[in-house]
């Protein structure tokens, strides 16, 4: 593959960033697209949710991550559609032609094994999720400080964690 080809990567998570670096290092033109201007270090989101870290401590500007890779460019945009036959990605910033496309848009929580989890839980898969969970936990603790009924106090301070992955553990 020569350097004249355009590789478009959608998603600035671990896979998108790594692919961008590897391809750019090989002399391939890369355009990384993400709706956010930052990369989120997902393994530390639980620390944001529990108040151990501030949100800005787990995000890194994509431009800074790619600054040593001149073949890699970044576009903050939302990809709305892709025409695979014509090799065009449609974004809110315009149409992007590509020779090769990598979709690295992340994953979704899997609740199928735990009845009721999808309806009653607060997943932690994004920075905004972690901040919302943090606020929920703080609200429960504040309400518990003023609660006089033991059953209500116990209810406010009881949390169930679904999942035994790194965040759950």
N, C-alpha and C. Protein backbone atom coordinates (compact mmCIF):
# COMPACT_ATOMS: atom_id res chain seq x y z
N UNK A 1 0.85 -1.17 0.00
CA UNK A 1 0.00 0.00 0.00
C UNK A 1 0.90 1.23 0.00
N UNK A 2 0.72 2.11 -0.94
CA UNK A 2 1.56 3.31 -1.01
C UNK A 2 0.99 4.41 -0.13
N UNK A 3 1.78 5.44 0.10
CA UNK A 3 1.38 6.55 0.95
C UNK A 3 0.28 7.41 0.36
N UNK A 4 -0.09 7.19 -0.92
CA UNK A 4 -1.12 8.01 -1.54
C UNK A 4 -2.53 7.54 -1.19
N UNK A 5 -2.65 6.37 -0.62
CA UNK A 5 -3.97 5.87 -0.23
C UNK A 5 -4.46 6.61 1.01
N UNK A 6 -5.77 6.74 1.09
CA UNK A 6 -6.38 7.38 2.25
C UNK A 6 -7.10 6.32 3.08
N UNK A 7 -6.67 6.18 4.32
CA UNK A 7 -7.35 5.29 5.25
C UNK A 7 -8.14 6.17 6.20
N UNK A 8 -9.43 5.91 6.31
CA UNK A 8 -10.27 6.62 7.26
C UNK A 8 -10.55 5.67 8.41
N UNK A 9 -10.34 6.18 9.62
CA UNK A 9 -10.61 5.40 10.82
C UNK A 9 -11.69 6.14 11.60
N UNK A 10 -12.76 5.46 11.91
CA UNK A 10 -13.85 6.05 12.69
C UNK A 10 -13.75 5.53 14.11
N UNK A 11 -13.47 6.44 15.04
CA UNK A 11 -13.37 6.09 16.44
C UNK A 11 -11.97 6.31 16.99
N UNK A 12 -11.86 7.18 18.00
CA UNK A 12 -10.57 7.52 18.60
C UNK A 12 -10.38 6.83 19.94
N UNK A 13 -10.84 5.59 20.04
CA UNK A 13 -10.57 4.79 21.23
C UNK A 13 -9.21 4.13 21.08
N UNK A 14 -8.96 3.11 21.90
CA UNK A 14 -7.67 2.43 21.85
C UNK A 14 -7.37 1.87 20.46
N UNK A 15 -8.34 1.21 19.84
CA UNK A 15 -8.11 0.60 18.53
C UNK A 15 -7.86 1.66 17.46
N UNK A 16 -8.68 2.70 17.44
CA UNK A 16 -8.53 3.75 16.44
C UNK A 16 -7.21 4.50 16.56
N UNK A 17 -6.82 4.82 17.78
CA UNK A 17 -5.55 5.51 18.01
C UNK A 17 -4.38 4.61 17.60
N UNK A 18 -4.42 3.35 18.02
CA UNK A 18 -3.33 2.42 17.70
C UNK A 18 -3.21 2.21 16.19
N UNK A 19 -4.33 2.00 15.53
CA UNK A 19 -4.31 1.82 14.08
C UNK A 19 -3.77 3.07 13.39
N UNK A 20 -4.17 4.24 13.85
CA UNK A 20 -3.68 5.49 13.27
C UNK A 20 -2.17 5.60 13.37
N UNK A 21 -1.65 5.30 14.54
CA UNK A 21 -0.20 5.40 14.76
C UNK A 21 0.57 4.40 13.89
N UNK A 22 0.12 3.15 13.89
CA UNK A 22 0.82 2.10 13.15
C UNK A 22 0.83 2.41 11.65
N UNK A 23 -0.32 2.78 11.12
CA UNK A 23 -0.41 3.07 9.69
C UNK A 23 0.37 4.33 9.32
N UNK A 24 0.27 5.38 10.12
CA UNK A 24 1.00 6.62 9.85
C UNK A 24 2.51 6.37 9.91
N UNK A 25 2.95 5.57 10.87
CA UNK A 25 4.37 5.23 10.99
C UNK A 25 4.85 4.51 9.73
N UNK A 26 3.95 3.78 9.07
CA UNK A 26 4.29 3.06 7.84
C UNK A 26 4.18 3.96 6.61
N UNK A 27 3.88 5.24 6.80
CA UNK A 27 3.82 6.19 5.69
C UNK A 27 2.48 6.27 5.00
N UNK A 28 1.44 5.75 5.62
CA UNK A 28 0.10 5.75 5.03
C UNK A 28 -0.68 6.95 5.55
N UNK A 29 -1.38 7.62 4.65
CA UNK A 29 -2.21 8.77 5.03
C UNK A 29 -3.43 8.28 5.79
N UNK A 30 -3.62 8.82 6.97
CA UNK A 30 -4.70 8.40 7.84
C UNK A 30 -5.52 9.62 8.24
N UNK A 31 -6.83 9.45 8.19
CA UNK A 31 -7.73 10.46 8.75
C UNK A 31 -8.54 9.77 9.85
N UNK A 32 -8.34 10.19 11.08
CA UNK A 32 -9.06 9.65 12.23
C UNK A 32 -10.23 10.57 12.52
N UNK A 33 -11.42 10.00 12.61
CA UNK A 33 -12.64 10.78 12.85
C UNK A 33 -13.28 10.30 14.15
N UNK A 34 -13.66 11.26 14.98
CA UNK A 34 -14.39 10.94 16.21
C UNK A 34 -15.28 12.12 16.56
N UNK A 35 -16.39 11.84 17.23
CA UNK A 35 -17.31 12.91 17.62
C UNK A 35 -16.74 13.78 18.73
N UNK A 36 -15.79 13.22 19.49
CA UNK A 36 -15.14 13.97 20.57
C UNK A 36 -13.74 14.37 20.15
N UNK A 37 -13.25 15.45 20.71
CA UNK A 37 -11.90 15.90 20.39
C UNK A 37 -10.86 15.24 21.28
N UNK A 38 -11.30 14.30 22.09
CA UNK A 38 -10.40 13.67 23.05
C UNK A 38 -10.55 12.15 23.03
N UNK A 39 -9.49 11.49 23.48
CA UNK A 39 -9.48 10.05 23.70
C UNK A 39 -9.74 9.83 25.19
N UNK A 40 -10.62 8.92 25.53
CA UNK A 40 -10.93 8.62 26.92
C UNK A 40 -10.21 7.34 27.33
N UNK A 41 -9.49 7.42 28.45
CA UNK A 41 -8.82 6.23 28.98
C UNK A 41 -9.86 5.45 29.78
N UNK A 42 -10.60 4.59 29.08
CA UNK A 42 -11.75 3.86 29.62
C UNK A 42 -11.45 3.08 30.90
N UNK A 43 -10.27 2.44 31.04
CA UNK A 43 -10.04 1.65 32.26
C UNK A 43 -10.09 2.46 33.56
N UNK A 44 -10.01 3.78 33.48
CA UNK A 44 -10.06 4.59 34.70
C UNK A 44 -11.41 5.26 34.94
N UNK A 45 -12.40 4.97 34.13
CA UNK A 45 -13.71 5.61 34.32
C UNK A 45 -14.31 5.31 35.68
N UNK A 46 -14.08 4.12 36.20
CA UNK A 46 -14.62 3.80 37.52
C UNK A 46 -14.04 4.73 38.58
N UNK A 47 -12.81 5.20 38.39
CA UNK A 47 -12.21 6.12 39.36
C UNK A 47 -12.85 7.50 39.26
N UNK A 48 -13.30 7.89 38.07
CA UNK A 48 -14.05 9.13 37.94
C UNK A 48 -15.40 8.97 38.63
N UNK A 49 -16.06 7.82 38.41
CA UNK A 49 -17.38 7.57 39.00
C UNK A 49 -17.33 7.55 40.51
N UNK A 50 -16.24 7.07 41.08
CA UNK A 50 -16.14 6.97 42.54
C UNK A 50 -15.44 8.17 43.18
N UNK A 51 -15.08 9.15 42.37
CA UNK A 51 -14.51 10.38 42.91
C UNK A 51 -13.02 10.35 43.16
N UNK A 52 -12.33 9.31 42.74
CA UNK A 52 -10.89 9.23 42.94
C UNK A 52 -10.13 10.09 41.94
N UNK A 53 -10.70 10.28 40.75
CA UNK A 53 -10.08 11.11 39.72
C UNK A 53 -11.09 12.12 39.20
N UNK A 54 -10.57 13.24 38.72
CA UNK A 54 -11.41 14.23 38.06
C UNK A 54 -11.56 13.82 36.59
N UNK A 55 -12.67 14.18 35.95
CA UNK A 55 -12.89 13.78 34.55
C UNK A 55 -11.73 14.16 33.62
N UNK A 56 -11.15 15.33 33.81
CA UNK A 56 -10.08 15.77 32.92
C UNK A 56 -8.80 14.94 33.07
N UNK A 57 -8.74 14.12 34.09
CA UNK A 57 -7.56 13.27 34.29
C UNK A 57 -7.57 12.00 33.45
N UNK A 58 -8.69 11.70 32.80
CA UNK A 58 -8.78 10.47 32.00
C UNK A 58 -9.03 10.75 30.52
N UNK A 59 -8.90 11.99 30.10
CA UNK A 59 -9.07 12.33 28.69
C UNK A 59 -7.79 12.99 28.17
N UNK A 60 -7.52 12.74 26.89
CA UNK A 60 -6.32 13.26 26.25
C UNK A 60 -6.71 13.78 24.87
N UNK A 61 -6.35 15.02 24.53
CA UNK A 61 -6.69 15.55 23.21
C UNK A 61 -6.12 14.67 22.10
N UNK A 62 -6.95 14.31 21.13
CA UNK A 62 -6.50 13.43 20.04
C UNK A 62 -5.37 14.10 19.27
N UNK A 63 -5.44 15.41 19.08
CA UNK A 63 -4.38 16.10 18.37
C UNK A 63 -3.02 15.92 19.04
N UNK A 64 -3.01 15.93 20.36
CA UNK A 64 -1.75 15.72 21.08
C UNK A 64 -1.27 14.28 20.95
N UNK A 65 -2.21 13.34 20.95
CA UNK A 65 -1.86 11.92 20.83
C UNK A 65 -1.21 11.65 19.46
N UNK A 66 -1.65 12.38 18.42
CA UNK A 66 -1.16 12.13 17.07
C UNK A 66 -0.10 13.13 16.61
N UNK A 67 0.33 14.03 17.47
CA UNK A 67 1.21 15.13 17.03
C UNK A 67 2.53 14.67 16.42
N UNK A 68 3.04 13.52 16.79
CA UNK A 68 4.31 13.03 16.25
C UNK A 68 4.13 12.16 15.01
N UNK A 69 2.93 12.17 14.43
CA UNK A 69 2.62 11.34 13.26
C UNK A 69 2.08 12.24 12.15
N UNK A 70 2.99 12.82 11.34
CA UNK A 70 2.54 13.77 10.31
C UNK A 70 1.60 13.17 9.27
N UNK A 71 1.62 11.86 9.07
CA UNK A 71 0.72 11.22 8.10
C UNK A 71 -0.70 11.10 8.65
N UNK A 72 -0.87 11.33 9.96
CA UNK A 72 -2.18 11.16 10.59
C UNK A 72 -2.82 12.52 10.85
N UNK A 73 -4.05 12.66 10.40
CA UNK A 73 -4.83 13.87 10.67
C UNK A 73 -6.05 13.49 11.49
N UNK A 74 -6.63 14.48 12.16
CA UNK A 74 -7.80 14.23 12.99
C UNK A 74 -8.92 15.18 12.57
N UNK A 75 -10.13 14.64 12.53
CA UNK A 75 -11.32 15.44 12.25
C UNK A 75 -12.36 15.14 13.32
N UNK A 76 -12.76 16.19 14.03
CA UNK A 76 -13.84 16.01 15.00
C UNK A 76 -15.15 16.14 14.24
N UNK A 77 -15.86 15.04 14.11
CA UNK A 77 -17.11 15.02 13.36
C UNK A 77 -17.91 13.79 13.76
N UNK A 78 -19.17 13.83 13.43
CA UNK A 78 -20.08 12.70 13.65
C UNK A 78 -20.28 12.00 12.30
N UNK A 79 -20.01 10.71 12.25
CA UNK A 79 -20.25 9.94 11.03
C UNK A 79 -21.71 9.51 11.05
N UNK A 80 -22.46 9.96 10.04
CA UNK A 80 -23.89 9.70 9.98
C UNK A 80 -24.26 8.51 9.11
N UNK A 81 -23.44 8.25 8.09
CA UNK A 81 -23.75 7.17 7.16
C UNK A 81 -22.47 6.84 6.39
N UNK A 82 -22.43 5.64 5.82
CA UNK A 82 -21.31 5.22 5.01
C UNK A 82 -21.85 4.54 3.76
N UNK A 83 -21.34 4.96 2.61
CA UNK A 83 -21.67 4.30 1.34
C UNK A 83 -20.47 3.42 1.02
N UNK A 84 -20.60 2.12 1.31
CA UNK A 84 -19.49 1.20 1.14
C UNK A 84 -19.13 0.99 -0.33
N UNK A 85 -20.12 1.02 -1.21
CA UNK A 85 -19.85 0.83 -2.64
C UNK A 85 -19.07 2.00 -3.22
N UNK A 86 -19.45 3.22 -2.89
CA UNK A 86 -18.78 4.42 -3.41
C UNK A 86 -17.60 4.84 -2.54
N UNK A 87 -17.42 4.20 -1.40
CA UNK A 87 -16.33 4.48 -0.46
C UNK A 87 -16.34 5.94 0.00
N UNK A 88 -17.48 6.31 0.57
CA UNK A 88 -17.67 7.66 1.09
C UNK A 88 -18.26 7.57 2.50
N UNK A 89 -17.67 8.30 3.42
CA UNK A 89 -18.23 8.44 4.77
C UNK A 89 -18.92 9.80 4.81
N UNK A 90 -20.17 9.81 5.21
CA UNK A 90 -20.94 11.05 5.32
C UNK A 90 -20.90 11.51 6.77
N UNK A 91 -20.37 12.70 6.97
CA UNK A 91 -20.25 13.26 8.32
C UNK A 91 -20.96 14.59 8.39
N UNK A 92 -21.11 15.10 9.61
CA UNK A 92 -21.69 16.43 9.75
C UNK A 92 -20.73 17.52 9.29
N UNK A 93 -19.50 17.14 8.93
CA UNK A 93 -18.52 18.09 8.39
C UNK A 93 -18.36 17.94 6.88
N UNK A 94 -19.13 17.04 6.28
CA UNK A 94 -19.05 16.83 4.84
C UNK A 94 -18.76 15.39 4.48
N UNK A 95 -18.58 15.16 3.17
CA UNK A 95 -18.31 13.83 2.65
C UNK A 95 -16.81 13.57 2.68
N UNK A 96 -16.42 12.36 3.10
CA UNK A 96 -15.02 11.97 3.17
C UNK A 96 -14.82 10.74 2.30
N UNK A 97 -13.98 10.87 1.26
CA UNK A 97 -13.63 9.72 0.41
C UNK A 97 -12.55 8.91 1.11
N UNK A 98 -12.59 7.61 0.90
CA UNK A 98 -11.55 6.76 1.47
C UNK A 98 -11.23 5.62 0.52
N UNK A 99 -10.01 5.11 0.68
CA UNK A 99 -9.62 3.90 -0.03
C UNK A 99 -9.85 2.68 0.85
N UNK A 100 -9.59 2.87 2.14
CA UNK A 100 -9.79 1.81 3.13
C UNK A 100 -10.47 2.44 4.35
N UNK A 101 -11.33 1.67 4.99
CA UNK A 101 -12.10 2.15 6.13
C UNK A 101 -11.93 1.20 7.29
N UNK A 102 -11.67 1.77 8.46
CA UNK A 102 -11.62 0.99 9.70
C UNK A 102 -12.68 1.56 10.63
N UNK A 103 -13.59 0.70 11.04
CA UNK A 103 -14.62 1.11 12.00
C UNK A 103 -14.20 0.63 13.38
N UNK A 104 -13.85 1.56 14.23
CA UNK A 104 -13.38 1.26 15.59
C UNK A 104 -14.22 2.07 16.58
N UNK A 105 -15.52 1.81 16.54
CA UNK A 105 -16.46 2.65 17.28
C UNK A 105 -16.79 2.16 18.69
N UNK A 106 -16.09 1.15 19.15
CA UNK A 106 -16.30 0.71 20.53
C UNK A 106 -17.32 -0.40 20.65
N UNK A 107 -17.76 -0.60 21.87
CA UNK A 107 -18.69 -1.69 22.16
C UNK A 107 -19.84 -1.18 23.01
N UNK A 108 -20.80 -2.03 23.24
CA UNK A 108 -21.96 -1.71 24.05
C UNK A 108 -22.01 -2.68 25.23
N UNK A 109 -22.55 -2.23 26.37
CA UNK A 109 -22.69 -3.14 27.51
C UNK A 109 -23.59 -4.32 27.16
N UNK A 110 -23.29 -5.47 27.71
CA UNK A 110 -24.08 -6.68 27.48
C UNK A 110 -24.82 -7.04 28.77
N UNK A 111 -26.14 -6.91 28.73
CA UNK A 111 -26.96 -7.18 29.90
C UNK A 111 -27.79 -8.44 29.78
N UNK A 112 -27.64 -9.17 28.68
CA UNK A 112 -28.55 -10.28 28.39
C UNK A 112 -28.56 -11.36 29.46
N UNK A 113 -27.50 -11.53 30.19
CA UNK A 113 -27.41 -12.58 31.21
C UNK A 113 -28.02 -12.18 32.56
N UNK A 114 -28.30 -10.88 32.75
CA UNK A 114 -28.77 -10.41 34.05
C UNK A 114 -30.13 -9.72 33.88
N UNK A 115 -31.21 -10.42 34.22
CA UNK A 115 -32.54 -9.82 34.07
C UNK A 115 -32.67 -8.52 34.87
N UNK A 116 -33.21 -7.49 34.21
CA UNK A 116 -33.45 -6.21 34.87
C UNK A 116 -32.27 -5.26 34.85
N UNK A 117 -31.09 -5.75 34.50
CA UNK A 117 -29.90 -4.88 34.54
C UNK A 117 -30.00 -3.72 33.55
N UNK A 118 -30.47 -3.98 32.35
CA UNK A 118 -30.52 -2.90 31.35
C UNK A 118 -31.52 -1.82 31.75
N UNK A 119 -32.58 -2.19 32.45
CA UNK A 119 -33.60 -1.20 32.84
C UNK A 119 -33.21 -0.42 34.10
N UNK A 120 -32.42 -1.01 34.97
CA UNK A 120 -32.21 -0.41 36.28
C UNK A 120 -30.76 -0.04 36.60
N UNK A 121 -29.87 -0.20 35.65
CA UNK A 121 -28.46 0.06 35.95
C UNK A 121 -27.97 1.36 35.32
N UNK A 122 -26.79 1.74 35.72
CA UNK A 122 -26.12 2.92 35.17
C UNK A 122 -24.78 2.45 34.61
N UNK A 123 -24.74 2.14 33.30
CA UNK A 123 -23.49 1.65 32.73
C UNK A 123 -22.39 2.71 32.76
N UNK A 124 -21.17 2.27 32.76
CA UNK A 124 -20.02 3.18 32.77
C UNK A 124 -19.17 2.86 31.54
N UNK A 125 -19.58 3.41 30.39
CA UNK A 125 -18.84 3.16 29.15
C UNK A 125 -18.32 4.46 28.52
N UNK A 126 -18.68 5.60 29.09
CA UNK A 126 -18.22 6.88 28.56
C UNK A 126 -17.93 7.83 29.73
N UNK A 127 -17.27 8.91 29.42
CA UNK A 127 -16.96 9.90 30.44
C UNK A 127 -18.25 10.49 31.02
N UNK A 128 -19.22 10.76 30.18
CA UNK A 128 -20.47 11.32 30.70
C UNK A 128 -21.19 10.32 31.60
N UNK A 129 -21.11 9.02 31.29
CA UNK A 129 -21.68 7.98 32.16
C UNK A 129 -21.03 8.02 33.54
N UNK A 130 -19.71 8.12 33.56
CA UNK A 130 -18.97 8.14 34.83
C UNK A 130 -19.34 9.36 35.66
N UNK A 131 -19.48 10.50 35.02
CA UNK A 131 -19.84 11.73 35.74
C UNK A 131 -21.27 11.63 36.28
N UNK A 132 -22.19 11.06 35.49
CA UNK A 132 -23.57 10.88 35.97
C UNK A 132 -23.62 9.92 37.15
N UNK A 133 -22.87 8.83 37.08
CA UNK A 133 -22.84 7.88 38.19
C UNK A 133 -22.24 8.52 39.43
N UNK A 134 -21.20 9.30 39.26
CA UNK A 134 -20.58 10.01 40.39
C UNK A 134 -21.61 10.90 41.08
N UNK A 135 -22.36 11.65 40.28
CA UNK A 135 -23.38 12.54 40.84
C UNK A 135 -24.46 11.74 41.56
N UNK A 136 -24.84 10.61 41.00
CA UNK A 136 -25.84 9.75 41.64
C UNK A 136 -25.33 9.24 42.99
N UNK A 137 -24.10 8.77 43.03
CA UNK A 137 -23.52 8.28 44.28
C UNK A 137 -23.45 9.39 45.33
N UNK A 138 -23.01 10.56 44.93
CA UNK A 138 -22.93 11.69 45.87
C UNK A 138 -24.31 12.08 46.40
N UNK A 139 -25.30 12.06 45.52
CA UNK A 139 -26.67 12.38 45.94
C UNK A 139 -27.16 11.36 46.96
N UNK A 140 -26.92 10.08 46.72
CA UNK A 140 -27.33 9.03 47.66
C UNK A 140 -26.64 9.23 49.02
N UNK A 141 -25.38 9.54 49.01
CA UNK A 141 -24.63 9.75 50.26
C UNK A 141 -25.15 10.97 51.01
N UNK A 142 -25.43 12.05 50.28
CA UNK A 142 -25.97 13.26 50.91
C UNK A 142 -27.34 12.99 51.53
N UNK A 143 -28.19 12.27 50.83
CA UNK A 143 -29.51 11.94 51.35
C UNK A 143 -29.39 11.02 52.56
N UNK A 144 -28.45 10.10 52.53
CA UNK A 144 -28.25 9.16 53.64
C UNK A 144 -27.83 9.90 54.91
N UNK A 145 -27.08 10.97 54.78
CA UNK A 145 -26.63 11.74 55.95
C UNK A 145 -27.81 12.33 56.73
N UNK A 146 -28.91 12.53 56.04
CA UNK A 146 -30.08 13.14 56.67
C UNK A 146 -31.19 12.13 56.97
N UNK A 147 -30.99 10.90 56.63
CA UNK A 147 -32.03 9.88 56.79
C UNK A 147 -32.04 9.33 58.21
N UNK A 148 -33.24 9.24 58.79
CA UNK A 148 -33.40 8.74 60.15
C UNK A 148 -33.97 7.33 60.20
N UNK A 149 -34.62 6.90 59.14
CA UNK A 149 -35.22 5.57 59.11
C UNK A 149 -34.17 4.56 58.66
N UNK A 150 -33.84 3.56 59.49
CA UNK A 150 -32.76 2.61 59.17
C UNK A 150 -32.93 1.91 57.82
N UNK A 151 -34.15 1.52 57.46
CA UNK A 151 -34.37 0.82 56.20
C UNK A 151 -34.07 1.73 55.00
N UNK A 152 -34.47 2.99 55.12
CA UNK A 152 -34.21 3.96 54.05
C UNK A 152 -32.71 4.24 53.94
N UNK A 153 -32.05 4.35 55.08
CA UNK A 153 -30.60 4.57 55.11
C UNK A 153 -29.89 3.42 54.41
N UNK A 154 -30.28 2.20 54.75
CA UNK A 154 -29.66 1.03 54.13
C UNK A 154 -29.91 1.01 52.62
N UNK A 155 -31.11 1.37 52.20
CA UNK A 155 -31.45 1.41 50.78
C UNK A 155 -30.60 2.43 50.04
N UNK A 156 -30.40 3.61 50.64
CA UNK A 156 -29.61 4.66 50.01
C UNK A 156 -28.13 4.27 49.88
N UNK A 157 -27.65 3.44 50.79
CA UNK A 157 -26.23 3.09 50.79
C UNK A 157 -25.95 1.67 50.29
N UNK A 158 -26.93 1.07 49.61
CA UNK A 158 -26.74 -0.25 49.04
C UNK A 158 -26.60 -0.11 47.53
N UNK A 159 -25.49 -0.63 47.01
CA UNK A 159 -25.21 -0.55 45.58
C UNK A 159 -24.91 -1.96 45.06
N UNK A 160 -25.44 -2.28 43.92
CA UNK A 160 -25.20 -3.58 43.30
C UNK A 160 -24.37 -3.34 42.05
N UNK A 161 -23.31 -4.10 41.92
CA UNK A 161 -22.43 -4.00 40.76
C UNK A 161 -22.67 -5.21 39.88
N UNK A 162 -23.01 -4.96 38.62
CA UNK A 162 -23.24 -6.02 37.65
C UNK A 162 -22.03 -6.11 36.74
N UNK A 163 -21.39 -7.25 36.73
CA UNK A 163 -20.23 -7.44 35.86
C UNK A 163 -18.97 -7.65 36.64
N UNK A 164 -18.18 -8.60 36.20
CA UNK A 164 -16.94 -8.93 36.88
C UNK A 164 -15.70 -8.56 36.08
N UNK A 165 -15.86 -7.60 35.17
CA UNK A 165 -14.70 -7.12 34.40
C UNK A 165 -13.89 -6.15 35.24
N UNK A 166 -12.90 -5.51 34.63
CA UNK A 166 -12.04 -4.59 35.38
C UNK A 166 -12.80 -3.47 36.10
N UNK A 167 -13.82 -2.91 35.45
CA UNK A 167 -14.59 -1.85 36.10
C UNK A 167 -15.41 -2.39 37.26
N UNK A 168 -16.08 -3.50 37.07
CA UNK A 168 -16.90 -4.09 38.13
C UNK A 168 -16.08 -4.53 39.32
N UNK A 169 -14.95 -5.14 39.06
CA UNK A 169 -14.10 -5.61 40.15
C UNK A 169 -13.53 -4.43 40.89
